[in-house]
Amino acid sequence: MADFLLLPPRPTVGEEIARLIRPYLPGVRVSAADCVKFLDSLVAATGKAFLVHREELPDEDGVAVALRDGFGAEPGDRIVHVLTGRPGEPRVAVEEFLDAVIVG
């Protein structure tokens, strides 16, 4: 079973994390891009989770279809939707990946 962490676009997430870290590292340049790379490395180290940003998914497909076709999601995996909320307070919704079927 894998977790697909579906995050907002990179610039949004990176700047949110950078804004949190900067007060703890005065005088150190903390960029949004550095923070996204840091998150990528943390998730990659787990070996069982995948970080997916919204801009990586095609607009024409549903999330489940895009994760199955583009990232290898399969039944039993989880999709963890992380949505922006107030600064420092993301909203999270978790759903189990069911076999995505294209209807139409």
N, C-alpha and C. Protein backbone atom coordinates (compact mmCIF):
# COMPACT_ATOMS: atom_id res chain seq x y z
N MET A 1 0.84 -1.18 0.00
CA MET A 1 0.00 0.00 0.00
C MET A 1 0.89 1.24 0.00
N ALA A 2 0.56 2.18 -0.86
CA ALA A 2 1.30 3.44 -0.95
C ALA A 2 0.36 4.60 -0.69
N ASP A 3 0.95 5.69 -0.25
CA ASP A 3 0.21 6.93 -0.07
C ASP A 3 0.63 7.90 -1.16
N PHE A 4 -0.35 8.48 -1.83
CA PHE A 4 -0.11 9.51 -2.82
C PHE A 4 -0.52 10.83 -2.18
N LEU A 5 0.47 11.63 -1.82
CA LEU A 5 0.23 12.91 -1.14
C LEU A 5 0.00 13.97 -2.21
N LEU A 6 -1.23 14.36 -2.39
CA LEU A 6 -1.61 15.31 -3.43
C LEU A 6 -1.61 16.72 -2.85
N LEU A 7 -0.57 17.48 -3.19
CA LEU A 7 -0.35 18.81 -2.63
C LEU A 7 -0.72 19.91 -3.61
N PRO A 8 -0.93 21.12 -3.09
CA PRO A 8 -1.12 22.28 -3.96
C PRO A 8 0.14 22.50 -4.81
N PRO A 9 0.10 23.44 -5.74
CA PRO A 9 1.26 23.70 -6.60
C PRO A 9 2.54 24.00 -5.79
N ARG A 10 3.66 23.64 -6.37
CA ARG A 10 4.98 23.81 -5.72
C ARG A 10 5.21 25.20 -5.13
N PRO A 11 4.96 26.27 -5.90
CA PRO A 11 5.24 27.60 -5.33
C PRO A 11 4.42 27.88 -4.06
N THR A 12 3.19 27.42 -4.03
CA THR A 12 2.32 27.64 -2.88
C THR A 12 2.85 26.90 -1.65
N VAL A 13 3.15 25.63 -1.82
CA VAL A 13 3.65 24.81 -0.71
C VAL A 13 5.03 25.30 -0.26
N GLY A 14 5.91 25.56 -1.23
CA GLY A 14 7.26 25.98 -0.89
C GLY A 14 7.29 27.28 -0.10
N GLU A 15 6.49 28.24 -0.52
CA GLU A 15 6.48 29.52 0.18
C GLU A 15 5.87 29.38 1.57
N GLU A 16 4.86 28.53 1.71
CA GLU A 16 4.25 28.30 3.03
C GLU A 16 5.27 27.71 4.00
N ILE A 17 6.05 26.72 3.55
CA ILE A 17 7.06 26.11 4.40
C ILE A 17 8.20 27.11 4.69
N ALA A 18 8.62 27.83 3.67
CA ALA A 18 9.69 28.82 3.85
C ALA A 18 9.28 29.88 4.86
N ARG A 19 8.04 30.32 4.78
CA ARG A 19 7.55 31.34 5.72
C ARG A 19 7.60 30.82 7.16
N LEU A 20 7.37 29.54 7.32
CA LEU A 20 7.43 28.93 8.66
C LEU A 20 8.87 28.83 9.17
N ILE A 21 9.81 28.48 8.28
CA ILE A 21 11.19 28.22 8.68
C ILE A 21 12.03 29.49 8.87
N ARG A 22 11.80 30.49 8.06
CA ARG A 22 12.65 31.70 8.07
C ARG A 22 12.87 32.30 9.46
N PRO A 23 11.85 32.43 10.31
CA PRO A 23 12.11 33.02 11.63
C PRO A 23 13.09 32.21 12.49
N TYR A 24 13.22 30.92 12.21
CA TYR A 24 14.13 30.06 12.98
C TYR A 24 15.55 30.08 12.45
N LEU A 25 15.72 30.65 11.25
CA LEU A 25 17.05 30.68 10.61
C LEU A 25 17.39 32.09 10.16
N PRO A 26 17.49 33.04 11.09
CA PRO A 26 17.77 34.41 10.69
C PRO A 26 19.12 34.51 9.96
N GLY A 27 19.11 35.26 8.87
CA GLY A 27 20.33 35.45 8.09
C GLY A 27 20.59 34.34 7.08
N VAL A 28 19.79 33.29 7.10
CA VAL A 28 19.95 32.19 6.15
C VAL A 28 18.90 32.35 5.05
N ARG A 29 19.34 32.25 3.81
CA ARG A 29 18.40 32.35 2.69
C ARG A 29 17.62 31.04 2.60
N VAL A 30 16.33 31.13 2.78
CA VAL A 30 15.45 29.96 2.69
C VAL A 30 14.47 30.23 1.55
N SER A 31 14.64 29.50 0.45
CA SER A 31 13.77 29.72 -0.71
C SER A 31 12.65 28.69 -0.74
N ALA A 32 11.60 29.05 -1.44
CA ALA A 32 10.47 28.14 -1.62
C ALA A 32 10.93 26.87 -2.35
N ALA A 33 11.78 27.03 -3.34
CA ALA A 33 12.28 25.86 -4.10
C ALA A 33 13.07 24.91 -3.19
N ASP A 34 13.89 25.47 -2.30
CA ASP A 34 14.64 24.63 -1.35
C ASP A 34 13.70 23.84 -0.46
N CYS A 35 12.63 24.48 -0.04
CA CYS A 35 11.67 23.81 0.85
C CYS A 35 10.94 22.67 0.14
N VAL A 36 10.61 22.87 -1.12
CA VAL A 36 9.96 21.80 -1.90
C VAL A 36 10.92 20.63 -2.07
N LYS A 37 12.18 20.91 -2.35
CA LYS A 37 13.18 19.84 -2.47
C LYS A 37 13.31 19.07 -1.16
N PHE A 38 13.27 19.79 -0.05
CA PHE A 38 13.34 19.16 1.27
C PHE A 38 12.15 18.23 1.47
N LEU A 39 10.94 18.68 1.15
CA LEU A 39 9.76 17.82 1.27
C LEU A 39 9.88 16.59 0.38
N ASP A 40 10.34 16.80 -0.85
CA ASP A 40 10.53 15.67 -1.77
C ASP A 40 11.47 14.62 -1.17
N SER A 41 12.56 15.08 -0.57
CA SER A 41 13.53 14.12 -0.01
C SER A 41 12.96 13.41 1.21
N LEU A 42 12.19 14.10 2.02
CA LEU A 42 11.56 13.45 3.18
C LEU A 42 10.61 12.35 2.75
N VAL A 43 9.78 12.66 1.77
CA VAL A 43 8.79 11.69 1.30
C VAL A 43 9.48 10.53 0.59
N ALA A 44 10.47 10.82 -0.23
CA ALA A 44 11.19 9.76 -0.95
C ALA A 44 11.86 8.79 0.01
N ALA A 45 12.33 9.28 1.14
CA ALA A 45 13.01 8.43 2.12
C ALA A 45 12.08 7.40 2.75
N THR A 46 10.78 7.65 2.71
CA THR A 46 9.85 6.68 3.31
C THR A 46 9.75 5.42 2.48
N GLY A 47 9.92 5.56 1.18
CA GLY A 47 9.82 4.41 0.29
C GLY A 47 8.41 3.92 0.07
N LYS A 48 7.43 4.56 0.68
CA LYS A 48 6.05 4.09 0.52
C LYS A 48 5.06 5.23 0.29
N ALA A 49 5.59 6.39 0.02
CA ALA A 49 4.73 7.54 -0.26
C ALA A 49 5.28 8.29 -1.47
N PHE A 50 4.37 8.96 -2.16
CA PHE A 50 4.73 9.72 -3.35
C PHE A 50 4.14 11.11 -3.24
N LEU A 51 4.96 12.10 -3.50
CA LEU A 51 4.53 13.49 -3.46
C LEU A 51 4.11 13.89 -4.87
N VAL A 52 2.87 14.33 -5.00
CA VAL A 52 2.34 14.75 -6.29
C VAL A 52 1.74 16.14 -6.12
N HIS A 53 2.20 17.07 -6.95
CA HIS A 53 1.65 18.42 -6.89
C HIS A 53 0.57 18.56 -7.95
N ARG A 54 -0.43 19.37 -7.66
CA ARG A 54 -1.58 19.52 -8.55
C ARG A 54 -1.18 19.80 -10.00
N GLU A 55 -0.12 20.59 -10.19
CA GLU A 55 0.25 20.95 -11.56
C GLU A 55 0.79 19.76 -12.36
N GLU A 56 1.06 18.65 -11.68
CA GLU A 56 1.55 17.45 -12.38
C GLU A 56 0.42 16.61 -12.95
N LEU A 57 -0.82 16.92 -12.58
CA LEU A 57 -1.96 16.14 -13.04
C LEU A 57 -2.62 16.83 -14.23
N PRO A 58 -2.98 16.06 -15.25
CA PRO A 58 -3.66 16.67 -16.40
C PRO A 58 -5.05 17.17 -15.99
N ASP A 59 -5.46 18.27 -16.58
CA ASP A 59 -6.75 18.86 -16.25
C ASP A 59 -7.92 18.00 -16.73
N GLU A 60 -7.72 17.28 -17.81
CA GLU A 60 -8.84 16.57 -18.42
C GLU A 60 -9.19 15.25 -17.72
N ASP A 61 -8.30 14.70 -16.92
CA ASP A 61 -8.56 13.44 -16.23
C ASP A 61 -8.96 13.70 -14.78
N GLY A 62 -9.71 12.78 -14.20
CA GLY A 62 -9.97 12.84 -12.78
C GLY A 62 -8.70 12.49 -12.02
N VAL A 63 -8.68 12.81 -10.75
CA VAL A 63 -7.49 12.56 -9.92
C VAL A 63 -7.13 11.08 -9.92
N ALA A 64 -8.10 10.22 -9.70
CA ALA A 64 -7.82 8.78 -9.61
C ALA A 64 -7.23 8.25 -10.91
N VAL A 65 -7.82 8.63 -12.04
CA VAL A 65 -7.33 8.17 -13.34
C VAL A 65 -5.91 8.69 -13.57
N ALA A 66 -5.68 9.96 -13.27
CA ALA A 66 -4.35 10.55 -13.47
C ALA A 66 -3.30 9.88 -12.59
N LEU A 67 -3.65 9.56 -11.34
CA LEU A 67 -2.70 8.89 -10.45
C LEU A 67 -2.43 7.46 -10.90
N ARG A 68 -3.46 6.79 -11.38
CA ARG A 68 -3.26 5.42 -11.88
C ARG A 68 -2.38 5.43 -13.12
N ASP A 69 -2.73 6.27 -14.10
CA ASP A 69 -2.02 6.26 -15.38
C ASP A 69 -0.64 6.91 -15.31
N GLY A 70 -0.49 7.95 -14.51
CA GLY A 70 0.76 8.68 -14.49
C GLY A 70 1.72 8.31 -13.37
N PHE A 71 1.17 7.72 -12.29
CA PHE A 71 2.01 7.48 -11.12
C PHE A 71 1.92 6.05 -10.59
N GLY A 72 1.09 5.21 -11.22
CA GLY A 72 1.04 3.80 -10.84
C GLY A 72 0.17 3.48 -9.64
N ALA A 73 -0.76 4.36 -9.28
CA ALA A 73 -1.65 4.07 -8.15
C ALA A 73 -2.49 2.83 -8.47
N GLU A 74 -2.76 2.06 -7.44
CA GLU A 74 -3.53 0.84 -7.62
C GLU A 74 -4.45 0.63 -6.42
N PRO A 75 -5.45 -0.25 -6.57
CA PRO A 75 -6.39 -0.48 -5.47
C PRO A 75 -5.65 -0.78 -4.16
N GLY A 76 -6.14 -0.18 -3.08
CA GLY A 76 -5.51 -0.34 -1.78
C GLY A 76 -4.61 0.82 -1.39
N ASP A 77 -4.16 1.60 -2.38
CA ASP A 77 -3.37 2.80 -2.10
C ASP A 77 -4.28 3.87 -1.53
N ARG A 78 -3.67 4.87 -0.93
CA ARG A 78 -4.46 5.99 -0.40
C ARG A 78 -4.10 7.28 -1.12
N ILE A 79 -5.10 8.11 -1.32
CA ILE A 79 -4.89 9.45 -1.86
C ILE A 79 -5.10 10.41 -0.70
N VAL A 80 -4.07 11.17 -0.39
CA VAL A 80 -4.14 12.13 0.71
C VAL A 80 -4.18 13.52 0.08
N HIS A 81 -5.36 14.12 0.08
CA HIS A 81 -5.55 15.45 -0.49
C HIS A 81 -5.15 16.49 0.56
N VAL A 82 -4.15 17.30 0.26
CA VAL A 82 -3.75 18.39 1.15
C VAL A 82 -4.14 19.68 0.44
N LEU A 83 -5.02 20.44 1.08
CA LEU A 83 -5.55 21.66 0.49
C LEU A 83 -5.12 22.86 1.31
N THR A 84 -4.92 23.98 0.64
CA THR A 84 -4.54 25.17 1.37
C THR A 84 -5.73 25.68 2.18
N GLY A 85 -5.42 26.15 3.34
CA GLY A 85 -6.40 26.77 4.21
C GLY A 85 -5.82 28.08 4.69
N ARG A 86 -6.05 28.41 5.92
CA ARG A 86 -5.39 29.58 6.48
C ARG A 86 -3.91 29.27 6.59
N PRO A 87 -3.04 30.29 6.56
CA PRO A 87 -1.60 30.04 6.66
C PRO A 87 -1.26 29.13 7.85
N GLY A 88 -0.50 28.09 7.55
CA GLY A 88 -0.08 27.15 8.58
C GLY A 88 -1.14 26.14 8.98
N GLU A 89 -2.30 26.15 8.31
CA GLU A 89 -3.39 25.24 8.66
C GLU A 89 -3.97 24.56 7.42
N PRO A 90 -3.20 23.68 6.79
CA PRO A 90 -3.75 22.98 5.62
C PRO A 90 -4.88 22.05 6.03
N ARG A 91 -5.76 21.80 5.11
CA ARG A 91 -6.85 20.83 5.33
C ARG A 91 -6.46 19.53 4.64
N VAL A 92 -6.80 18.42 5.27
CA VAL A 92 -6.42 17.11 4.74
C VAL A 92 -7.65 16.22 4.64
N ALA A 93 -7.77 15.54 3.52
CA ALA A 93 -8.82 14.54 3.32
C ALA A 93 -8.16 13.30 2.75
N VAL A 94 -8.51 12.14 3.28
CA VAL A 94 -7.90 10.88 2.85
C VAL A 94 -8.97 9.99 2.25
N GLU A 95 -8.64 9.39 1.11
CA GLU A 95 -9.55 8.43 0.50
C GLU A 95 -8.75 7.23 0.00
N GLU A 96 -9.38 6.09 -0.01
CA GLU A 96 -8.73 4.89 -0.54
C GLU A 96 -8.87 4.92 -2.05
N PHE A 97 -7.78 4.53 -2.72
CA PHE A 97 -7.82 4.46 -4.18
C PHE A 97 -8.57 3.21 -4.57
N LEU A 98 -9.63 3.40 -5.34
CA LEU A 98 -10.37 2.28 -5.90
C LEU A 98 -10.00 2.23 -7.37
N ASP A 99 -10.16 1.10 -8.00
CA ASP A 99 -9.79 0.97 -9.41
C ASP A 99 -10.51 2.04 -10.21
N ALA A 100 -9.76 2.94 -10.83
CA ALA A 100 -10.33 4.04 -11.59
C ALA A 100 -10.87 3.53 -12.91
N VAL A 101 -12.09 3.88 -13.17
CA VAL A 101 -12.75 3.46 -14.42
C VAL A 101 -13.15 4.72 -15.16
N ILE A 102 -12.84 4.76 -16.44
CA ILE A 102 -13.24 5.90 -17.26
C ILE A 102 -14.64 5.60 -17.80
N VAL A 103 -15.56 6.49 -17.51
CA VAL A 103 -16.93 6.33 -17.98
C VAL A 103 -17.18 7.36 -19.06
N GLY A 104 -17.81 6.92 -20.15
CA GLY A 104 -18.14 7.92 -21.18
C GLY A 104 -17.95 7.48 -22.55
